[in-house]
């Protein structure tokens, strides 16, 4: 009734990246970044429910990666001037993979 389920093709092409439990704010409920051809979502579970924020791939202005000794912080900014999506505690390789996926999906959208 008014809700269209996501297509299996869209679900299968999404990749999920989970932050380490050993980093800031991720001990009980680690943050997940889900990257699909349509959007990037940050999902943070809570005791009751979850907090989900997303930015459409076409609205992403920039991706910043700040690396430390073990972990990386990733910040995804939108063209609309809304608050960026920020996630701490991802492996450096995962942060680079997230950036590469976003750039690839943006190039496919403009091609």
Foldseek 3Di string as FASTA:
>chain_A
DPDDDDDPVQVVQKDKFWFDLPDPPPVPWTWIWIDTLFWIWIWTQDPPGIDIDIDTLLFWDDWDWDDDPFWIKIWTDGNVPDHIDIHTHTGPVVSVVRRVSSVVSNVVVVD
